[in-house]
Amino acid sequence: MGAFKEQVKGAGQQAKGKIKETTGRAVGNPRLAVEGNVEKNVGKMRQAVARPMEAVKGSVREAKGTLKRELGEATRDPDLAGEGEAERVSGKIRRKMNE
């Protein structure tokens, strides 16, 4: 499973756990509240584990884009240089969002 999908699943699990926890407290069901709290924290951990993987993918994409841009500039191919720059920037954004 991809790291991004793992982050999304973690966010969903965290939200589901928060709802269970809140519902358990509201209706006076401590078992449901504890169950929700555990599920919420497992979701947080899934997200925390997936972030570094996404940051690495962003760094790789950034490096690949830089190389492609430089190759485009060296061969005077503006399309390749532009494509490389776009890839570099998207990799940088992905890396920064997951640091």
PDB file of N, CA and C in Angstrom:
ATOM      1  N   MET A   1       0.847  -1.173   0.000  1.00  0.00           N
ATOM      2  CA  MET A   1       0.000   0.000   0.000  1.00  0.00           C
ATOM      3  C   MET A   1       0.889   1.231   0.000  1.00  0.00           C
ATOM      4  N   GLY A   2       0.484   2.243  -0.744  1.00  0.00           N
ATOM      5  CA  GLY A   2       1.262   3.463  -0.809  1.00  0.00           C
ATOM      6  C   GLY A   2       1.178   4.268   0.479  1.00  0.00           C
ATOM      7  N   ALA A   3       2.206   5.070   0.672  1.00  0.00           N
ATOM      8  CA  ALA A   3       2.269   5.871   1.896  1.00  0.00           C
ATOM      9  C   ALA A   3       1.139   6.904   1.944  1.00  0.00           C
ATOM     10  N   PHE A   4       0.787   7.472   0.793  1.00  0.00           N
ATOM     11  CA  PHE A   4      -0.297   8.456   0.778  1.00  0.00           C
ATOM     12  C   PHE A   4      -1.617   7.796   1.176  1.00  0.00           C
ATOM     13  N   LYS A   5      -1.863   6.603   0.620  1.00  0.00           N
ATOM     14  CA  LYS A   5      -3.097   5.888   0.979  1.00  0.00           C
ATOM     15  C   LYS A   5      -3.112   5.562   2.466  1.00  0.00           C
ATOM     16  N   GLU A   6      -1.944   5.233   2.990  1.00  0.00           N
ATOM     17  CA  GLU A   6      -1.843   4.917   4.423  1.00  0.00           C
ATOM     18  C   GLU A   6      -2.173   6.160   5.254  1.00  0.00           C
ATOM     19  N   GLN A   7      -1.716   7.330   4.789  1.00  0.00           N
ATOM     20  CA  GLN A   7      -2.042   8.575   5.500  1.00  0.00           C
ATOM     21  C   GLN A   7      -3.540   8.832   5.481  1.00  0.00           C
ATOM     22  N   VAL A   8      -4.158   8.619   4.333  1.00  0.00           N
ATOM     23  CA  VAL A   8      -5.599   8.845   4.207  1.00  0.00           C
ATOM     24  C   VAL A   8      -6.367   7.873   5.103  1.00  0.00           C
ATOM     25  N   LYS A   9      -5.959   6.613   5.095  1.00  0.00           N
ATOM     26  CA  LYS A   9      -6.623   5.630   5.955  1.00  0.00           C
ATOM     27  C   LYS A   9      -6.423   5.977   7.427  1.00  0.00           C
ATOM     28  N   GLY A  10      -5.241   6.461   7.770  1.00  0.00           N
ATOM     29  CA  GLY A  10      -4.982   6.880   9.148  1.00  0.00           C
ATOM     30  C   GLY A  10      -5.868   8.036   9.556  1.00  0.00           C
ATOM     31  N   ALA A  11      -6.061   8.992   8.646  1.00  0.00           N
ATOM     32  CA  ALA A  11      -6.929  10.135   8.945  1.00  0.00           C
ATOM     33  C   ALA A  11      -8.373   9.671   9.146  1.00  0.00           C
ATOM     34  N   GLY A  12      -8.819   8.746   8.303  1.00  0.00           N
ATOM     35  CA  GLY A  12     -10.172   8.205   8.443  1.00  0.00           C
ATOM     36  C   GLY A  12     -10.350   7.462   9.752  1.00  0.00           C
ATOM     37  N   GLN A  13      -9.348   6.667  10.100  1.00  0.00           N
ATOM     38  CA  GLN A  13      -9.407   5.905  11.350  1.00  0.00           C
ATOM     39  C   GLN A  13      -9.397   6.851  12.547  1.00  0.00           C
ATOM     40  N   GLN A  14      -8.622   7.916  12.441  1.00  0.00           N
ATOM     41  CA  GLN A  14      -8.561   8.902  13.520  1.00  0.00           C
ATOM     42  C   GLN A  14      -9.924   9.572  13.703  1.00  0.00           C
ATOM     43  N   ALA A  15     -10.556   9.956  12.603  1.00  0.00           N
ATOM     44  CA  ALA A  15     -11.870  10.598  12.681  1.00  0.00           C
ATOM     45  C   ALA A  15     -12.917   9.642  13.253  1.00  0.00           C
ATOM     46  N   LYS A  16     -12.890   8.396  12.782  1.00  0.00           N
ATOM     47  CA  LYS A  16     -13.840   7.393  13.271  1.00  0.00           C
ATOM     48  C   LYS A  16     -13.651   7.171  14.779  1.00  0.00           C
ATOM     49  N   GLY A  17     -12.408   7.114  15.208  1.00  0.00           N
ATOM     50  CA  GLY A  17     -12.120   6.929  16.629  1.00  0.00           C
ATOM     51  C   GLY A  17     -12.600   8.100  17.462  1.00  0.00           C
ATOM     52  N   LYS A  18     -12.425   9.310  16.942  1.00  0.00           N
ATOM     53  CA  LYS A  18     -12.865  10.514  17.665  1.00  0.00           C
ATOM     54  C   LYS A  18     -14.389  10.505  17.836  1.00  0.00           C
ATOM     55  N   ILE A  19     -15.084  10.087  16.774  1.00  0.00           N
ATOM     56  CA  ILE A  19     -16.552  10.015  16.845  1.00  0.00           C
ATOM     57  C   ILE A  19     -16.980   8.989  17.887  1.00  0.00           C
ATOM     58  N   LYS A  20     -16.333   7.814  17.874  1.00  0.00           N
ATOM     59  CA  LYS A  20     -16.662   6.781  18.871  1.00  0.00           C
ATOM     60  C   LYS A  20     -16.391   7.280  20.287  1.00  0.00           C
ATOM     61  N   GLU A  21     -15.240   7.924  20.447  1.00  0.00           N
ATOM     62  CA  GLU A  21     -14.863   8.424  21.768  1.00  0.00           C
ATOM     63  C   GLU A  21     -15.880   9.444  22.276  1.00  0.00           C
ATOM     64  N   THR A  22     -16.245  10.384  21.435  1.00  0.00           N
ATOM     65  CA  THR A  22     -17.209  11.425  21.809  1.00  0.00           C
ATOM     66  C   THR A  22     -18.582  10.823  22.101  1.00  0.00           C
ATOM     67  N   THR A  23     -18.994   9.879  21.262  1.00  0.00           N
ATOM     68  CA  THR A  23     -20.291   9.223  21.463  1.00  0.00           C
ATOM     69  C   THR A  23     -20.290   8.450  22.777  1.00  0.00           C
ATOM     70  N   GLY A  24     -19.209   7.730  23.043  1.00  0.00           N
ATOM     71  CA  GLY A  24     -19.105   6.961  24.286  1.00  0.00           C
ATOM     72  C   GLY A  24     -19.208   7.847  25.508  1.00  0.00           C
ATOM     73  N   ARG A  25     -18.563   8.988  25.448  1.00  0.00           N
ATOM     74  CA  ARG A  25     -18.638   9.922  26.587  1.00  0.00           C
ATOM     75  C   ARG A  25     -20.043  10.506  26.728  1.00  0.00           C
ATOM     76  N   ALA A  26     -20.658  10.823  25.579  1.00  0.00           N
ATOM     77  CA  ALA A  26     -21.982  11.451  25.604  1.00  0.00           C
ATOM     78  C   ALA A  26     -23.052  10.518  26.165  1.00  0.00           C
ATOM     79  N   VAL A  27     -22.941   9.243  25.840  1.00  0.00           N
ATOM     80  CA  VAL A  27     -23.970   8.306  26.307  1.00  0.00           C
ATOM     81  C   VAL A  27     -23.566   7.583  27.592  1.00  0.00           C
ATOM     82  N   GLY A  28     -22.397   7.910  28.122  1.00  0.00           N
ATOM     83  CA  GLY A  28     -21.953   7.308  29.372  1.00  0.00           C
ATOM     84  C   GLY A  28     -21.458   5.877  29.217  1.00  0.00           C
ATOM     85  N   ASN A  29     -20.882   5.566  28.074  1.00  0.00           N
ATOM     86  CA  ASN A  29     -20.364   4.227  27.813  1.00  0.00           C
ATOM     87  C   ASN A  29     -18.834   4.286  27.810  1.00  0.00           C
ATOM     88  N   PRO A  30     -18.194   4.010  28.947  1.00  0.00           N
ATOM     89  CA  PRO A  30     -16.732   4.138  29.017  1.00  0.00           C
ATOM     90  C   PRO A  30     -15.992   3.178  28.082  1.00  0.00           C
ATOM     91  N   ARG A  31     -16.560   2.001  27.846  1.00  0.00           N
ATOM     92  CA  ARG A  31     -15.909   1.042  26.943  1.00  0.00           C
ATOM     93  C   ARG A  31     -15.821   1.604  25.528  1.00  0.00           C
ATOM     94  N   LEU A  32     -16.911   2.207  25.053  1.00  0.00           N
ATOM     95  CA  LEU A  32     -16.931   2.803  23.716  1.00  0.00           C
ATOM     96  C   LEU A  32     -15.968   3.993  23.642  1.00  0.00           C
ATOM     97  N   ALA A  33     -15.921   4.777  24.717  1.00  0.00           N
ATOM     98  CA  ALA A  33     -15.026   5.933  24.758  1.00  0.00           C
ATOM     99  C   ALA A  33     -13.561   5.496  24.671  1.00  0.00           C
ATOM    100  N   VAL A  34     -13.207   4.463  25.418  1.00  0.00           N
ATOM    101  CA  VAL A  34     -11.823   3.956  25.404  1.00  0.00           C
ATOM    102  C   VAL A  34     -11.509   3.341  24.047  1.00  0.00           C
ATOM    103  N   GLU A  35     -12.435   2.583  23.511  1.00  0.00           N
ATOM    104  CA  GLU A  35     -12.256   1.971  22.192  1.00  0.00           C
ATOM    105  C   GLU A  35     -12.014   3.061  21.130  1.00  0.00           C
ATOM    106  N   GLY A  36     -12.792   4.113  21.198  1.00  0.00           N
ATOM    107  CA  GLY A  36     -12.630   5.230  20.264  1.00  0.00           C
ATOM    108  C   GLY A  36     -11.295   5.923  20.430  1.00  0.00           C
ATOM    109  N   ASN A  37     -10.874   6.108  21.672  1.00  0.00           N
ATOM    110  CA  ASN A  37      -9.589   6.751  21.946  1.00  0.00           C
ATOM    111  C   ASN A  37      -8.446   5.919  21.363  1.00  0.00           C
ATOM    112  N   VAL A  38      -8.507   4.610  21.537  1.00  0.00           N
ATOM    113  CA  VAL A  38      -7.469   3.724  20.987  1.00  0.00           C
ATOM    114  C   VAL A  38      -7.454   3.817  19.466  1.00  0.00           C
ATOM    115  N   GLU A  39      -8.625   3.748  18.853  1.00  0.00           N
ATOM    116  CA  GLU A  39      -8.710   3.809  17.392  1.00  0.00           C
ATOM    117  C   GLU A  39      -8.192   5.153  16.869  1.00  0.00           C
ATOM    118  N   LYS A  40      -8.518   6.211  17.560  1.00  0.00           N
ATOM    119  CA  LYS A  40      -8.043   7.547  17.176  1.00  0.00           C
ATOM    120  C   LYS A  40      -6.515   7.602  17.212  1.00  0.00           C
ATOM    121  N   ASN A  41      -5.922   7.063  18.259  1.00  0.00           N
ATOM    122  CA  ASN A  41      -4.466   7.107  18.392  1.00  0.00           C
ATOM    123  C   ASN A  41      -3.763   6.182  17.402  1.00  0.00           C
ATOM    124  N   VAL A  42      -4.381   5.064  17.071  1.00  0.00           N
ATOM    125  CA  VAL A  42      -3.811   4.187  16.041  1.00  0.00           C
ATOM    126  C   VAL A  42      -3.813   4.926  14.697  1.00  0.00           C
ATOM    127  N   GLY A  43      -4.872   5.650  14.419  1.00  0.00           N
ATOM    128  CA  GLY A  43      -4.939   6.447  13.187  1.00  0.00           C
ATOM    129  C   GLY A  43      -3.842   7.496  13.137  1.00  0.00           C
ATOM    130  N   LYS A  44      -3.587   8.151  14.261  1.00  0.00           N
ATOM    131  CA  LYS A  44      -2.512   9.143  14.330  1.00  0.00           C
ATOM    132  C   LYS A  44      -1.162   8.492  14.043  1.00  0.00           C
ATOM    133  N   MET A  45      -0.955   7.300  14.587  1.00  0.00           N
ATOM    134  CA  MET A  45       0.311   6.597  14.379  1.00  0.00           C
ATOM    135  C   MET A  45       0.478   6.185  12.921  1.00  0.00           C
ATOM    136  N   ARG A  46      -0.596   5.742  12.291  1.00  0.00           N
ATOM    137  CA  ARG A  46      -0.515   5.369  10.868  1.00  0.00           C
ATOM    138  C   ARG A  46      -0.067   6.566  10.038  1.00  0.00           C
ATOM    139  N   GLN A  47      -0.609   7.723  10.356  1.00  0.00           N
ATOM    140  CA  GLN A  47      -0.225   8.925   9.628  1.00  0.00           C
ATOM    141  C   GLN A  47       1.239   9.273   9.896  1.00  0.00           C
ATOM    142  N   ALA A  48       1.640   9.173  11.152  1.00  0.00           N
ATOM    143  CA  ALA A  48       3.010   9.526  11.525  1.00  0.00           C
ATOM    144  C   ALA A  48       4.032   8.613  10.854  1.00  0.00           C
ATOM    145  N   VAL A  49       3.695   7.350  10.684  1.00  0.00           N
ATOM    146  CA  VAL A  49       4.609   6.405  10.035  1.00  0.00           C
ATOM    147  C   VAL A  49       4.688   6.676   8.532  1.00  0.00           C
ATOM    148  N   ALA A  50       3.579   7.067   7.927  1.00  0.00           N
ATOM    149  CA  ALA A  50       3.540   7.265   6.481  1.00  0.00           C
ATOM    150  C   ALA A  50       4.220   8.567   6.040  1.00  0.00           C
ATOM    151  N   ARG A  51       4.253   9.572   6.887  1.00  0.00           N
ATOM    152  CA  ARG A  51       4.820  10.867   6.491  1.00  0.00           C
ATOM    153  C   ARG A  51       6.272  10.792   6.019  1.00  0.00           C
ATOM    154  N   PRO A  52       7.171  10.132   6.761  1.00  0.00           N
ATOM    155  CA  PRO A  52       8.563  10.077   6.290  1.00  0.00           C
ATOM    156  C   PRO A  52       8.702   9.384   4.931  1.00  0.00           C
ATOM    157  N   MET A  53       7.869   8.378   4.672  1.00  0.00           N
ATOM    158  CA  MET A  53       7.927   7.701   3.378  1.00  0.00           C
ATOM    159  C   MET A  53       7.538   8.659   2.256  1.00  0.00           C
ATOM    160  N   GLU A  54       6.515   9.457   2.496  1.00  0.00           N
ATOM    161  CA  GLU A  54       6.091  10.444   1.506  1.00  0.00           C
ATOM    162  C   GLU A  54       7.159  11.520   1.312  1.00  0.00           C
ATOM    163  N   ALA A  55       7.829  11.904   2.388  1.00  0.00           N
ATOM    164  CA  ALA A  55       8.898  12.904   2.286  1.00  0.00           C
ATOM    165  C   ALA A  55      10.044  12.379   1.426  1.00  0.00           C
ATOM    166  N   VAL A  56      10.381  11.107   1.585  1.00  0.00           N
ATOM    167  CA  VAL A  56      11.442  10.503   0.768  1.00  0.00           C
ATOM    168  C   VAL A  56      11.024  10.470  -0.695  1.00  0.00           C
ATOM    169  N   LYS A  57       9.794  10.104  -0.963  1.00  0.00           N
ATOM    170  CA  LYS A  57       9.304  10.097  -2.345  1.00  0.00           C
ATOM    171  C   LYS A  57       9.384  11.495  -2.948  1.00  0.00           C
ATOM    172  N   GLY A  58       9.074  12.503  -2.149  1.00  0.00           N
ATOM    173  CA  GLY A  58       9.170  13.887  -2.621  1.00  0.00           C
ATOM    174  C   GLY A  58      10.608  14.269  -2.932  1.00  0.00           C
ATOM    175  N   SER A  59      11.537  13.854  -2.088  1.00  0.00           N
ATOM    176  CA  SER A  59      12.948  14.158  -2.315  1.00  0.00           C
ATOM    177  C   SER A  59      13.453  13.505  -3.591  1.00  0.00           C
ATOM    178  N   VAL A  60      13.046  12.270  -3.824  1.00  0.00           N
ATOM    179  CA  VAL A  60      13.448  11.562  -5.046  1.00  0.00           C
ATOM    180  C   VAL A  60      12.893  12.270  -6.268  1.00  0.00           C
ATOM    181  N   ARG A  61      11.642  12.653  -6.207  1.00  0.00           N
ATOM    182  CA  ARG A  61      11.011  13.347  -7.337  1.00  0.00           C
ATOM    183  C   ARG A  61      11.691  14.696  -7.592  1.00  0.00           C
ATOM    184  N   GLU A  62      12.032  15.378  -6.512  1.00  0.00           N
ATOM    185  CA  GLU A  62      12.712  16.673  -6.622  1.00  0.00           C
ATOM    186  C   GLU A  62      14.073  16.508  -7.312  1.00  0.00           C
ATOM    187  N   ALA A  63      14.832  15.499  -6.910  1.00  0.00           N
ATOM    188  CA  ALA A  63      16.152  15.251  -7.513  1.00  0.00           C
ATOM    189  C   ALA A  63      16.019  14.860  -8.984  1.00  0.00           C
ATOM    190  N   LYS A  64      15.065  14.014  -9.281  1.00  0.00           N
ATOM    191  CA  LYS A  64      14.829  13.594 -10.667  1.00  0.00           C
ATOM    192  C   LYS A  64      14.451  14.795 -11.540  1.00  0.00           C
ATOM    193  N   GLY A  65      13.609  15.662 -11.012  1.00  0.00           N
ATOM    194  CA  GLY A  65      13.206  16.861 -11.748  1.00  0.00           C
ATOM    195  C   GLY A  65      14.372  17.796 -11.995  1.00  0.00           C
ATOM    196  N   THR A  66      15.243  17.933 -10.987  1.00  0.00           N
ATOM    197  CA  THR A  66      16.418  18.791 -11.139  1.00  0.00           C
ATOM    198  C   THR A  66      17.318  18.254 -12.254  1.00  0.00           C
ATOM    199  N   LEU A  67      17.537  16.949 -12.267  1.00  0.00           N
ATOM    200  CA  LEU A  67      18.363  16.349 -13.314  1.00  0.00           C
ATOM    201  C   LEU A  67      17.733  16.537 -14.693  1.00  0.00           C
ATOM    202  N   LYS A  68      16.440  16.333 -14.777  1.00  0.00           N
ATOM    203  CA  LYS A  68      15.741  16.484 -16.048  1.00  0.00           C
ATOM    204  C   LYS A  68      15.803  17.932 -16.531  1.00  0.00           C
ATOM    205  N   ARG A  69      15.642  18.867 -15.601  1.00  0.00           N
ATOM    206  CA  ARG A  69      15.720  20.286 -15.964  1.00  0.00           C
ATOM    207  C   ARG A  69      17.109  20.633 -16.485  1.00  0.00           C
ATOM    208  N   GLU A  70      18.133  20.168 -15.775  1.00  0.00           N
ATOM    209  CA  GLU A  70      19.508  20.455 -16.183  1.00  0.00           C
ATOM    210  C   GLU A  70      19.837  19.826 -17.532  1.00  0.00           C
ATOM    211  N   LEU A  71      19.333  18.624 -17.765  1.00  0.00           N
ATOM    212  CA  LEU A  71      19.534  17.983 -19.058  1.00  0.00           C
ATOM    213  C   LEU A  71      18.851  18.778 -20.161  1.00  0.00           C
ATOM    214  N   GLY A  72      17.656  19.255 -19.891  1.00  0.00           N
ATOM    215  CA  GLY A  72      16.933  20.076 -20.863  1.00  0.00           C
ATOM    216  C   GLY A  72      17.667  21.373 -21.170  1.00  0.00           C
ATOM    217  N   GLU A  73      18.232  21.985 -20.134  1.00  0.00           N
ATOM    218  CA  GLU A  73      18.998  23.219 -20.341  1.00  0.00           C
ATOM    219  C   GLU A  73      20.281  22.936 -21.122  1.00  0.00           C
ATOM    220  N   ALA A  74      20.941  21.820 -20.826  1.00  0.00           N
ATOM    221  CA  ALA A  74      22.196  21.474 -21.507  1.00  0.00           C
ATOM    222  C   ALA A  74      21.965  21.151 -22.981  1.00  0.00           C
ATOM    223  N   THR A  75      20.842  20.532 -23.284  1.00  0.00           N
ATOM    224  CA  THR A  75      20.539  20.166 -24.673  1.00  0.00           C
ATOM    225  C   THR A  75      19.681  21.225 -25.364  1.00  0.00           C
ATOM    226  N   ARG A  76      19.433  22.316 -24.660  1.00  0.00           N
ATOM    227  CA  ARG A  76      18.604  23.413 -25.181  1.00  0.00           C
ATOM    228  C   ARG A  76      17.220  22.939 -25.615  1.00  0.00           C
ATOM    229  N   ASP A  77      16.651  22.101 -24.777  1.00  0.00           N
ATOM    230  CA  ASP A  77      15.303  21.581 -24.998  1.00  0.00           C
ATOM    231  C   ASP A  77      14.389  22.212 -23.952  1.00  0.00           C
ATOM    232  N   PRO A  78      13.687  23.290 -24.305  1.00  0.00           N
ATOM    233  CA  PRO A  78      12.871  23.993 -23.307  1.00  0.00           C
ATOM    234  C   PRO A  78      11.722  23.135 -22.760  1.00  0.00           C
ATOM    235  N   ASP A  79      11.198  22.220 -23.567  1.00  0.00           N
ATOM    236  CA  ASP A  79      10.116  21.354 -23.079  1.00  0.00           C
ATOM    237  C   ASP A  79      10.614  20.441 -21.952  1.00  0.00           C
ATOM    238  N   LEU A  80      11.779  19.840 -22.159  1.00  0.00           N
ATOM    239  CA  LEU A  80      12.350  18.956 -21.152  1.00  0.00           C
ATOM    240  C   LEU A  80      12.730  19.746 -19.899  1.00  0.00           C
ATOM    241  N   ALA A  81      13.291  20.943 -20.107  1.00  0.00           N
ATOM    242  CA  ALA A  81      13.666  21.788 -18.959  1.00  0.00           C
ATOM    243  C   ALA A  81      12.423  22.182 -18.157  1.00  0.00           C
ATOM    244  N   GLY A  82      11.365  22.546 -18.839  1.00  0.00           N
ATOM    245  CA  GLY A  82      10.128  22.928 -18.157  1.00  0.00           C
ATOM    246  C   GLY A  82       9.486  21.760 -17.439  1.00  0.00           C
ATOM    247  N   GLU A  83       9.504  20.605 -18.082  1.00  0.00           N
ATOM    248  CA  GLU A  83       8.953  19.402 -17.468  1.00  0.00           C
ATOM    249  C   GLU A  83       9.750  19.042 -16.208  1.00  0.00           C
ATOM    250  N   GLY A  84      11.059  19.168 -16.300  1.00  0.00           N
ATOM    251  CA  GLY A  84      11.915  18.884 -15.155  1.00  0.00           C
ATOM    252  C   GLY A  84      11.667  19.844 -14.008  1.00  0.00           C
ATOM    253  N   GLU A  85      11.501  21.119 -14.330  1.00  0.00           N
ATOM    254  CA  GLU A  85      11.243  22.118 -13.285  1.00  0.00           C
ATOM    255  C   GLU A  85       9.909  21.843 -12.591  1.00  0.00           C
ATOM    256  N   ALA A  86       8.895  21.488 -13.379  1.00  0.00           N
ATOM    257  CA  ALA A  86       7.589  21.171 -12.792  1.00  0.00           C
ATOM    258  C   ALA A  86       7.696  19.966 -11.863  1.00  0.00           C
ATOM    259  N   GLU A  87       8.446  18.965 -12.277  1.00  0.00           N
ATOM    260  CA  GLU A  87       8.624  17.771 -11.447  1.00  0.00           C
ATOM    261  C   GLU A  87       9.405  18.109 -10.176  1.00  0.00           C
ATOM    262  N   ARG A  88      10.410  18.954 -10.310  1.00  0.00           N
ATOM    263  CA  ARG A  88      11.217  19.368  -9.168  1.00  0.00           C
ATOM    264  C   ARG A  88      10.355  20.086  -8.135  1.00  0.00           C
ATOM    265  N   VAL A  89       9.537  21.008  -8.590  1.00  0.00           N
ATOM    266  CA  VAL A  89       8.686  21.787  -7.690  1.00  0.00           C
ATOM    267  C   VAL A  89       7.642  20.893  -7.012  1.00  0.00           C
ATOM    268  N   SER A  90       7.030  19.977  -7.783  1.00  0.00           N
ATOM    269  CA  SER A  90       6.021  19.104  -7.163  1.00  0.00           C
ATOM    270  C   SER A  90       6.671  18.187  -6.127  1.00  0.00           C
ATOM    271  N   GLY A  91       7.897  17.747  -6.390  1.00  0.00           N
ATOM    272  CA  GLY A  91       8.612  16.934  -5.406  1.00  0.00           C
ATOM    273  C   GLY A  91       8.939  17.721  -4.155  1.00  0.00           C
ATOM    274  N   LYS A  92       9.334  18.971  -4.340  1.00  0.00           N
ATOM    275  CA  LYS A  92       9.662  19.824  -3.193  1.00  0.00           C
ATOM    276  C   LYS A  92       8.424  20.049  -2.328  1.00  0.00           C
ATOM    277  N   ILE A  93       7.294  20.289  -2.961  1.00  0.00           N
ATOM    278  CA  ILE A  93       6.041  20.489  -2.221  1.00  0.00           C
ATOM    279  C   ILE A  93       5.678  19.231  -1.443  1.00  0.00           C
ATOM    280  N   ARG A  94       5.790  18.085  -2.108  1.00  0.00           N
ATOM    281  CA  ARG A  94       5.458  16.820  -1.450  1.00  0.00           C
ATOM    282  C   ARG A  94       6.362  16.583  -0.243  1.00  0.00           C
ATOM    283  N   ARG A  95       7.640  16.880  -0.418  1.00  0.00           N
ATOM    284  CA  ARG A  95       8.601  16.700   0.674  1.00  0.00           C
ATOM    285  C   ARG A  95       8.283  17.634   1.838  1.00  0.00           C
ATOM    286  N   LYS A  96       8.045  18.908   1.540  1.00  0.00           N
ATOM    287  CA  LYS A  96       7.782  19.897   2.589  1.00  0.00           C
ATOM    288  C   LYS A  96       6.486  19.593   3.350  1.00  0.00           C
ATOM    289  N   MET A  97       5.479  19.110   2.639  1.00  0.00           N
ATOM    290  CA  MET A  97       4.199  18.816   3.288  1.00  0.00           C
ATOM    291  C   MET A  97       4.300  17.660   4.271  1.00  0.00           C
ATOM    292  N   ASN A  98       5.328  16.832   4.118  1.00  0.00           N
ATOM    293  CA  ASN A  98       5.426  15.635   4.950  1.00  0.00           C
ATOM    294  C   ASN A  98       6.622  15.639   5.883  1.00  0.00           C
ATOM    295  N   GLU A  99       7.255  16.763   6.047  1.00  0.00           N
ATOM    296  CA  GLU A  99       8.399  16.842   6.955  1.00  0.00           C
ATOM    297  C   GLU A  99       7.941  16.972   8.387  1.00  0.00           C
TER     298      GLU A  99
END
